[in-house]
Amino acid sequence: MRMRMRMRMRMRMSVTPCPPAHAGRGGLPPMPAAVPPRADLEALAARFAPVVWLYAKEAYYPSSVDAYLARCELWGPQGKVFSEGDATPAALQELFAPLQTTHDVPLAGGGTGRQIDARPEYRLKCNQEFHAGVPAAELPVTPCYAHAHAAEVGGVATLALVYSFFYPYNGSYAVPPFMGNKAFLMGGHEADWEHCTVHVAQREDGEYALHAVWCNAHRERDGTLVPAAAVPRHEGSQRPVLYIAHNGHGVYPKPGVWRRLFCAANDHCSAGTLWVPRVELLPADPADHAEAAASGHTWVAYPGRWGTTFDEGHGSPMDMAGRKRVKAPGGCPHGPHFQSWWWGEPCKTRAPVKRVLLHWTK
């Protein structure tokens, strides 16, 4: 009888609901997150900006958008529109502003946002000599680009600080990796936009504290959500320390091998070259030409693709090691505003078995 009573007591205790650790004031639901004014947002974006380790043998470094555009041609349906060096942010705005159309998208925090309609028939083609990005000596002045939106992570209202990294080229994967010179090179393409999202929550005193970091990799499939307690910081600051994968530039929370896609296209991270990027804040509404101009980033509204086609422009179907390049279907990416993560993302870590064996499932 006493044993049954003890078991019932344990069962009752095990199902007693507990308030979430960050449930808010006195266990009540969290206050709705709001995006601060631009001046405050610039300070927050700089305070929580990630510091990243590039892979020790990385061949494709990041660059600023300005440096990239200075080496680009613009091509359209009728052929070349701008020659190299003429595709400046001002020239792109002058060309596309009269053509701009938008549609509304629902926001997670309520209301709608204006989404510029893409024009994939336009493409930026970069000089191949700049595919390697900036030299290591220029990394301290090479920016990442930030924007913010209201979000929710684990029932907690957060301010999502989204940091975009730009690379002139996304390197290939040798598939299968154990075949050496007989392996195929897949996944290489011009222009690579990557990002991570730093979620901060407002405390009772009004200050913001790190809540979690979303390390995005390969269209969210291989992303990892890391709670604040597990995020290392840079030299006593609030800046998270993250790792950039070799060639593909996915963002990960730790060094090592991240297995994916039947182990045929694993991502490798290491503490090679440290990049402490400065932060440039993007306009909240890229469709607002005056706001975009005031921010100094009118290029965000460019509706075409960055880069030409996958592996196009290399001149040879083989690399220096004799491996055959394989063109993938589709095209190069659009800019940050045209990505689904501009407005939000699920921030759900998939189990390792799904990353390896069920790659295309959610």
Protein backbone atom coordinates (compact mmCIF):
# COMPACT_ATOMS: atom_id res chain seq x y z
CA MET A 1 0.00 0.00 0.00
CA ARG A 2 2.80 2.40 0.94
CA MET A 3 4.61 1.49 -2.31
CA ARG A 4 1.51 2.38 -4.37
CA MET A 5 1.14 5.71 -2.56
CA ARG A 6 4.79 6.56 -3.17
CA MET A 7 4.44 5.70 -6.85
CA ARG A 8 1.33 7.89 -7.17
CA MET A 9 3.14 10.76 -5.44
CA ARG A 10 6.10 10.43 -7.82
CA MET A 11 3.78 10.39 -10.86
CA ARG A 12 1.96 13.50 -9.64
CA MET A 13 5.27 15.29 -9.02
CA SER A 14 6.60 14.34 -12.45
CA VAL A 15 3.71 15.95 -14.31
CA THR A 16 3.53 19.14 -12.25
CA PRO A 17 3.99 21.96 -14.77
CA CYS A 18 6.91 24.33 -14.21
CA PRO A 19 7.29 27.81 -15.68
CA PRO A 20 9.95 28.11 -18.38
CA ALA A 21 13.37 29.26 -17.22
CA HIS A 22 13.01 32.52 -19.18
CA ALA A 23 9.25 32.82 -19.00
CA GLY A 24 9.38 36.50 -18.15
CA ARG A 25 8.16 38.55 -15.23
CA GLY A 26 7.08 36.31 -12.37
CA GLY A 27 6.52 33.32 -14.65
CA LEU A 28 4.14 35.26 -16.88
CA PRO A 29 4.40 35.10 -20.67
CA PRO A 30 7.25 37.22 -22.08
CA MET A 31 6.69 40.77 -23.22
CA PRO A 32 6.34 41.09 -27.01
CA ALA A 33 9.64 41.83 -28.69
CA ALA A 34 9.88 45.10 -30.59
CA VAL A 35 12.55 46.35 -32.96
CA PRO A 36 14.34 49.34 -31.39
CA PRO A 37 15.00 52.61 -33.25
CA ARG A 38 17.84 52.52 -35.75
CA ALA A 39 20.36 54.30 -33.51
CA ASP A 40 19.80 51.79 -30.68
CA LEU A 41 19.76 48.91 -33.13
CA GLU A 42 23.17 49.86 -34.52
CA ALA A 43 24.65 49.66 -31.02
CA LEU A 44 22.97 46.31 -30.33
CA ALA A 45 24.08 44.86 -33.66
CA ALA A 46 27.70 45.84 -32.94
CA ARG A 47 27.54 44.52 -29.37
CA PHE A 48 26.30 41.04 -30.32
CA ALA A 49 27.98 40.63 -33.72
CA PRO A 50 29.59 37.21 -34.16
CA VAL A 51 33.32 36.63 -34.41
CA VAL A 52 34.10 33.76 -36.76
CA TRP A 53 36.93 31.34 -37.45
CA LEU A 54 37.57 30.60 -41.11
CA TYR A 55 38.84 27.14 -41.99
CA ALA A 56 42.63 26.74 -41.91
CA LYS A 57 42.77 25.83 -45.62
CA GLU A 58 39.97 28.09 -46.80
CA ALA A 59 40.49 29.28 -50.37
CA TYR A 60 37.39 31.48 -50.70
CA TYR A 61 37.41 34.41 -48.29
CA PRO A 62 34.58 36.92 -47.71
CA SER A 63 34.37 40.39 -49.17
CA SER A 64 32.32 43.55 -48.89
CA VAL A 65 29.51 44.08 -51.36
CA ASP A 66 31.14 47.27 -52.62
CA ALA A 67 34.38 45.45 -53.44
CA TYR A 68 32.42 42.75 -55.26
CA LEU A 69 30.26 45.11 -57.31
CA ALA A 70 33.35 47.03 -58.40
CA ARG A 71 34.45 43.86 -60.22
CA CYS A 72 31.07 42.86 -61.68
CA GLU A 73 29.25 43.09 -64.97
CA LEU A 74 25.45 43.06 -65.05
CA TRP A 75 23.73 40.83 -67.58
CA GLY A 76 20.03 40.86 -68.48
CA PRO A 77 17.64 39.18 -70.93
CA GLN A 78 19.06 41.17 -73.84
CA GLY A 79 22.72 40.71 -72.94
CA LYS A 80 25.22 42.87 -71.09
CA VAL A 81 23.71 45.85 -69.27
CA PHE A 82 26.76 47.19 -67.40
CA SER A 83 30.44 46.55 -68.01
CA GLU A 84 32.82 45.68 -65.19
CA GLY A 85 33.02 48.50 -62.68
CA ASP A 86 29.78 50.16 -63.84
CA ALA A 87 27.37 48.05 -61.75
CA THR A 88 27.60 50.44 -58.81
CA PRO A 89 24.89 50.55 -56.12
CA ALA A 90 23.71 53.90 -57.53
CA ALA A 91 23.53 52.52 -61.07
CA LEU A 92 21.60 49.45 -59.91
CA GLN A 93 19.11 51.61 -58.03
CA GLU A 94 18.62 53.90 -61.03
CA LEU A 95 17.96 50.90 -63.27
CA PHE A 96 15.65 48.87 -61.03
CA ALA A 97 13.75 51.49 -59.01
CA PRO A 98 11.31 52.25 -61.87
CA LEU A 99 10.80 48.50 -62.43
CA GLN A 100 10.23 47.64 -58.75
CA THR A 101 7.08 45.81 -57.71
CA THR A 102 6.31 44.40 -54.27
CA HIS A 103 3.96 42.08 -52.45
CA ASP A 104 3.04 41.75 -48.78
CA VAL A 105 4.32 38.92 -46.59
CA PRO A 106 2.91 38.02 -43.15
CA LEU A 107 5.25 38.57 -40.23
CA ALA A 108 5.62 36.22 -37.27
CA GLY A 109 5.07 39.07 -34.80
CA GLY A 110 1.93 40.23 -36.62
CA GLY A 111 1.37 42.64 -39.47
CA THR A 112 2.97 42.46 -42.90
CA GLY A 113 6.22 43.37 -44.57
CA ARG A 114 6.96 44.55 -48.10
CA GLN A 115 8.82 42.03 -50.21
CA ILE A 116 10.39 43.19 -53.46
CA ASP A 117 9.63 40.88 -56.37
CA ALA A 118 12.71 39.07 -57.69
CA ARG A 119 13.96 39.38 -61.26
CA PRO A 120 16.09 36.26 -61.79
CA GLU A 121 16.67 37.13 -65.45
CA TYR A 122 19.31 39.63 -64.28
CA ARG A 123 22.70 38.39 -63.07
CA LEU A 124 25.89 39.87 -61.71
CA LYS A 125 29.02 38.30 -63.19
CA CYS A 126 32.19 38.81 -61.17
CA ASN A 127 35.75 38.86 -62.46
CA GLN A 128 37.15 35.39 -61.74
CA GLU A 129 40.27 36.88 -60.21
CA PHE A 130 38.14 38.04 -57.26
CA HIS A 131 36.60 34.64 -56.51
CA ALA A 132 39.10 34.19 -53.68
CA GLY A 133 37.68 37.23 -51.87
CA VAL A 134 39.74 39.74 -49.95
CA PRO A 135 43.25 38.94 -48.67
CA ALA A 136 43.54 38.09 -44.98
CA ALA A 137 45.06 41.50 -44.26
CA GLU A 138 41.77 43.15 -45.27
CA LEU A 139 39.53 41.05 -43.05
CA PRO A 140 39.48 43.65 -40.21
CA VAL A 141 37.78 46.17 -42.52
CA THR A 142 35.49 43.63 -44.23
CA PRO A 143 31.93 43.91 -42.89
CA CYS A 144 29.07 41.62 -42.20
CA TYR A 145 25.56 43.01 -42.73
CA ALA A 146 22.85 43.09 -40.09
CA HIS A 147 19.10 43.54 -39.95
CA ALA A 148 16.58 42.74 -37.22
CA HIS A 149 13.04 41.50 -36.69
CA ALA A 150 10.84 40.33 -33.83
CA ALA A 151 10.96 36.58 -33.18
CA GLU A 152 10.18 33.85 -30.70
CA VAL A 153 12.48 31.03 -29.59
CA GLY A 154 11.20 28.35 -27.24
CA GLY A 155 8.26 30.47 -26.16
CA VAL A 156 10.46 33.47 -25.42
CA ALA A 157 9.99 36.72 -27.30
CA THR A 158 13.33 37.79 -28.77
CA LEU A 159 14.89 40.37 -30.99
CA ALA A 160 16.49 38.47 -33.87
CA LEU A 161 19.74 40.09 -35.02
CA VAL A 162 20.46 38.53 -38.41
CA TYR A 163 24.06 38.75 -39.64
CA SER A 164 24.74 38.13 -43.33
CA PHE A 165 28.18 37.17 -44.65
CA PHE A 166 29.07 37.53 -48.31
CA TYR A 167 31.62 35.46 -50.25
CA PRO A 168 32.36 36.01 -53.98
CA TYR A 169 32.57 32.25 -54.47
CA ASN A 170 31.22 29.08 -52.87
CA GLY A 171 33.75 26.27 -53.23
CA SER A 172 32.95 22.76 -54.43
CA TYR A 173 32.68 19.49 -52.52
CA ALA A 174 34.65 16.47 -53.73
CA VAL A 175 32.03 13.70 -54.00
CA PRO A 176 32.63 11.02 -52.86
CA PRO A 177 35.46 12.42 -50.72
CA PHE A 178 37.46 9.15 -50.57
CA MET A 179 37.88 8.95 -54.37
CA GLY A 180 40.70 11.49 -54.52
CA ASN A 181 41.35 12.73 -58.07
CA LYS A 182 38.49 10.58 -59.38
CA ALA A 183 35.91 12.39 -57.26
CA PHE A 184 33.43 14.80 -58.86
CA LEU A 185 33.33 18.44 -57.76
CA MET A 186 29.80 19.52 -56.90
CA GLY A 187 28.13 22.54 -55.35
CA GLY A 188 30.50 25.24 -56.52
CA HIS A 189 28.90 28.51 -57.62
CA GLU A 190 29.56 32.21 -57.84
CA ALA A 191 28.39 34.40 -54.95
CA ASP A 192 27.48 32.96 -51.57
CA TRP A 193 25.23 34.58 -48.97
CA GLU A 194 25.38 32.93 -45.53
CA HIS A 195 24.00 34.04 -42.20
CA CYS A 196 23.52 33.37 -38.53
CA THR A 197 20.91 34.81 -36.16
CA VAL A 198 21.69 36.04 -32.67
CA HIS A 199 18.55 36.06 -30.52
CA VAL A 200 18.59 38.53 -27.63
CA ALA A 201 15.89 38.96 -25.00
CA GLN A 202 15.09 42.09 -23.02
CA ARG A 203 15.44 41.84 -19.24
CA GLU A 204 13.30 43.59 -16.64
CA ASP A 205 15.81 46.45 -16.43
CA GLY A 206 15.45 47.04 -20.17
CA GLU A 207 18.89 45.68 -21.11
CA TYR A 208 19.31 42.98 -23.71
CA ALA A 209 20.99 39.65 -22.99
CA LEU A 210 21.97 36.80 -25.28
CA HIS A 211 19.27 34.13 -25.41
CA ALA A 212 20.37 31.78 -28.22
CA VAL A 213 22.28 31.65 -31.50
CA TRP A 214 21.02 30.05 -34.70
CA CYS A 215 23.92 28.75 -36.80
CA ASN A 216 22.50 28.37 -40.29
CA ALA A 217 23.88 25.90 -42.81
CA HIS A 218 22.53 24.72 -46.16
CA ARG A 219 19.07 26.28 -46.26
CA GLU A 220 18.34 25.56 -42.58
CA ARG A 221 18.66 21.79 -43.11
CA ASP A 222 21.85 21.51 -41.12
CA GLY A 223 21.36 24.49 -38.82
CA THR A 224 22.00 24.32 -35.09
CA LEU A 225 20.27 26.26 -32.30
CA VAL A 226 22.66 26.91 -29.42
CA PRO A 227 21.43 28.21 -26.03
CA ALA A 228 23.26 31.19 -24.56
CA ALA A 229 24.98 29.14 -21.86
CA ALA A 230 26.73 27.02 -24.53
CA VAL A 231 27.89 29.94 -26.69
CA PRO A 232 31.55 30.98 -26.23
CA ARG A 233 32.22 34.74 -26.27
CA HIS A 234 35.10 36.72 -27.71
CA GLU A 235 37.56 38.16 -25.18
CA GLY A 236 35.06 38.96 -22.45
CA SER A 237 32.59 40.63 -24.82
CA GLN A 238 29.06 39.58 -25.77
CA ARG A 239 30.15 38.61 -29.28
CA PRO A 240 29.58 34.89 -30.01
CA VAL A 241 32.46 32.86 -31.44
CA LEU A 242 31.39 30.67 -34.38
CA TYR A 243 33.02 28.60 -37.14
CA ILE A 244 32.72 28.80 -40.93
CA ALA A 245 32.81 25.54 -42.89
CA HIS A 246 35.40 24.91 -45.60
CA ASN A 247 34.28 25.98 -49.10
CA GLY A 248 30.52 25.90 -48.42
CA HIS A 249 30.72 28.53 -45.63
CA GLY A 250 27.93 27.09 -43.49
CA VAL A 251 27.95 28.43 -39.92
CA TYR A 252 28.57 26.02 -37.04
CA PRO A 253 28.99 26.37 -33.27
CA LYS A 254 32.09 24.16 -32.90
CA PRO A 255 35.15 23.03 -34.87
CA GLY A 256 35.38 19.52 -36.25
CA VAL A 257 33.59 17.43 -38.86
CA TRP A 258 29.84 17.96 -39.29
CA ARG A 259 28.49 14.90 -41.08
CA ARG A 260 25.75 15.33 -43.68
CA LEU A 261 24.35 13.96 -46.94
CA PHE A 262 25.34 10.29 -46.50
CA CYS A 263 28.76 11.53 -45.33
CA ALA A 264 29.50 12.42 -48.97
CA ALA A 265 29.54 16.19 -48.37
CA ASN A 266 30.66 16.67 -44.78
CA ASP A 267 31.45 20.14 -43.53
CA HIS A 268 34.83 20.77 -41.91
CA CYS A 269 35.49 23.57 -39.44
CA SER A 270 38.68 24.65 -37.69
CA ALA A 271 40.23 27.64 -35.95
CA GLY A 272 42.24 28.81 -38.95
CA THR A 273 41.97 32.56 -39.54
CA LEU A 274 40.01 34.75 -37.14
CA TRP A 275 37.60 37.26 -38.70
CA VAL A 276 36.30 39.99 -36.40
CA PRO A 277 33.92 41.74 -38.78
CA ARG A 278 32.68 45.24 -38.39
CA VAL A 279 28.91 45.60 -38.74
CA GLU A 280 26.89 47.56 -41.27
CA LEU A 281 23.16 47.88 -40.58
CA LEU A 282 20.84 47.32 -43.54
CA PRO A 283 17.58 49.24 -44.08
CA ALA A 284 14.52 47.80 -42.38
CA ASP A 285 12.49 48.28 -45.57
CA PRO A 286 14.65 47.88 -48.70
CA ALA A 287 11.65 48.83 -50.84
CA ASP A 288 11.79 52.34 -49.35
CA HIS A 289 14.36 54.00 -51.62
CA ALA A 290 14.90 56.97 -49.31
CA GLU A 291 15.54 54.73 -46.30
CA ALA A 292 17.86 52.50 -48.31
CA ALA A 293 19.79 55.51 -49.56
CA ALA A 294 20.08 56.94 -46.05
CA SER A 295 21.50 53.63 -44.82
CA GLY A 296 24.08 53.60 -47.61
CA HIS A 297 22.92 50.18 -48.82
CA THR A 298 20.71 50.65 -51.85
CA TRP A 299 22.11 47.38 -53.27
CA VAL A 300 19.81 45.44 -50.91
CA ALA A 301 16.94 46.16 -53.31
CA TYR A 302 18.77 44.67 -56.30
CA PRO A 303 16.29 41.98 -57.46
CA GLY A 304 18.52 39.85 -59.68
CA ARG A 305 20.90 37.01 -58.93
CA TRP A 306 24.40 37.36 -57.55
CA GLY A 307 26.67 35.41 -59.87
CA THR A 308 26.05 33.59 -63.09
CA THR A 309 25.39 29.83 -63.13
CA PHE A 310 26.89 27.06 -61.06
CA ASP A 311 30.57 26.54 -61.94
CA GLU A 312 30.25 28.73 -65.02
CA GLY A 313 33.23 30.83 -66.03
CA HIS A 314 36.02 28.55 -64.85
CA GLY A 315 37.13 27.91 -68.41
CA SER A 316 37.78 24.22 -67.82
CA PRO A 317 35.48 21.34 -66.80
CA MET A 318 38.35 19.95 -64.70
CA ASP A 319 40.11 21.37 -61.67
CA MET A 320 43.88 21.36 -61.11
CA ALA A 321 43.72 17.93 -59.50
CA GLY A 322 41.99 16.45 -62.55
CA ARG A 323 38.55 16.16 -60.92
CA LYS A 324 35.52 16.82 -63.10
CA ARG A 325 33.30 19.78 -62.28
CA VAL A 326 29.58 19.02 -62.23
CA LYS A 327 27.04 21.74 -62.93
CA ALA A 328 24.13 21.70 -60.51
CA PRO A 329 20.62 22.67 -61.60
CA GLY A 330 19.27 26.10 -60.78
CA GLY A 331 21.25 29.27 -60.38
CA CYS A 332 23.17 31.48 -58.02
CA PRO A 333 21.51 33.14 -55.03
CA HIS A 334 19.50 36.28 -54.61
CA GLY A 335 20.50 38.81 -51.96
CA PRO A 336 19.48 38.72 -48.28
CA HIS A 337 16.14 40.53 -48.70
CA PHE A 338 14.99 37.84 -51.15
CA GLN A 339 15.83 34.92 -48.86
CA SER A 340 13.12 33.36 -46.67
CA TRP A 341 15.26 33.95 -43.58
CA TRP A 342 15.05 37.73 -44.02
CA TRP A 343 11.65 37.55 -42.30
CA GLY A 344 12.30 34.63 -39.93
CA GLU A 345 13.21 30.96 -39.69
CA PRO A 346 12.13 27.92 -37.65
CA CYS A 347 15.43 27.55 -35.72
CA LYS A 348 15.06 23.81 -35.18
CA THR A 349 18.08 21.54 -34.88
CA ARG A 350 17.66 18.29 -36.80
CA ALA A 351 18.89 15.01 -35.39
CA PRO A 352 22.28 13.82 -36.74
CA VAL A 353 20.65 10.81 -38.40
CA LYS A 354 18.47 13.15 -40.47
CA ARG A 355 21.47 15.20 -41.51
CA VAL A 356 23.23 12.09 -42.76
CA LEU A 357 20.51 9.72 -44.00
CA LEU A 358 17.38 11.86 -44.47
CA HIS A 359 18.97 14.98 -45.86
CA TRP A 360 15.95 16.35 -47.75
CA THR A 361 13.42 15.83 -44.95
CA LYS A 362 12.57 18.44 -42.33
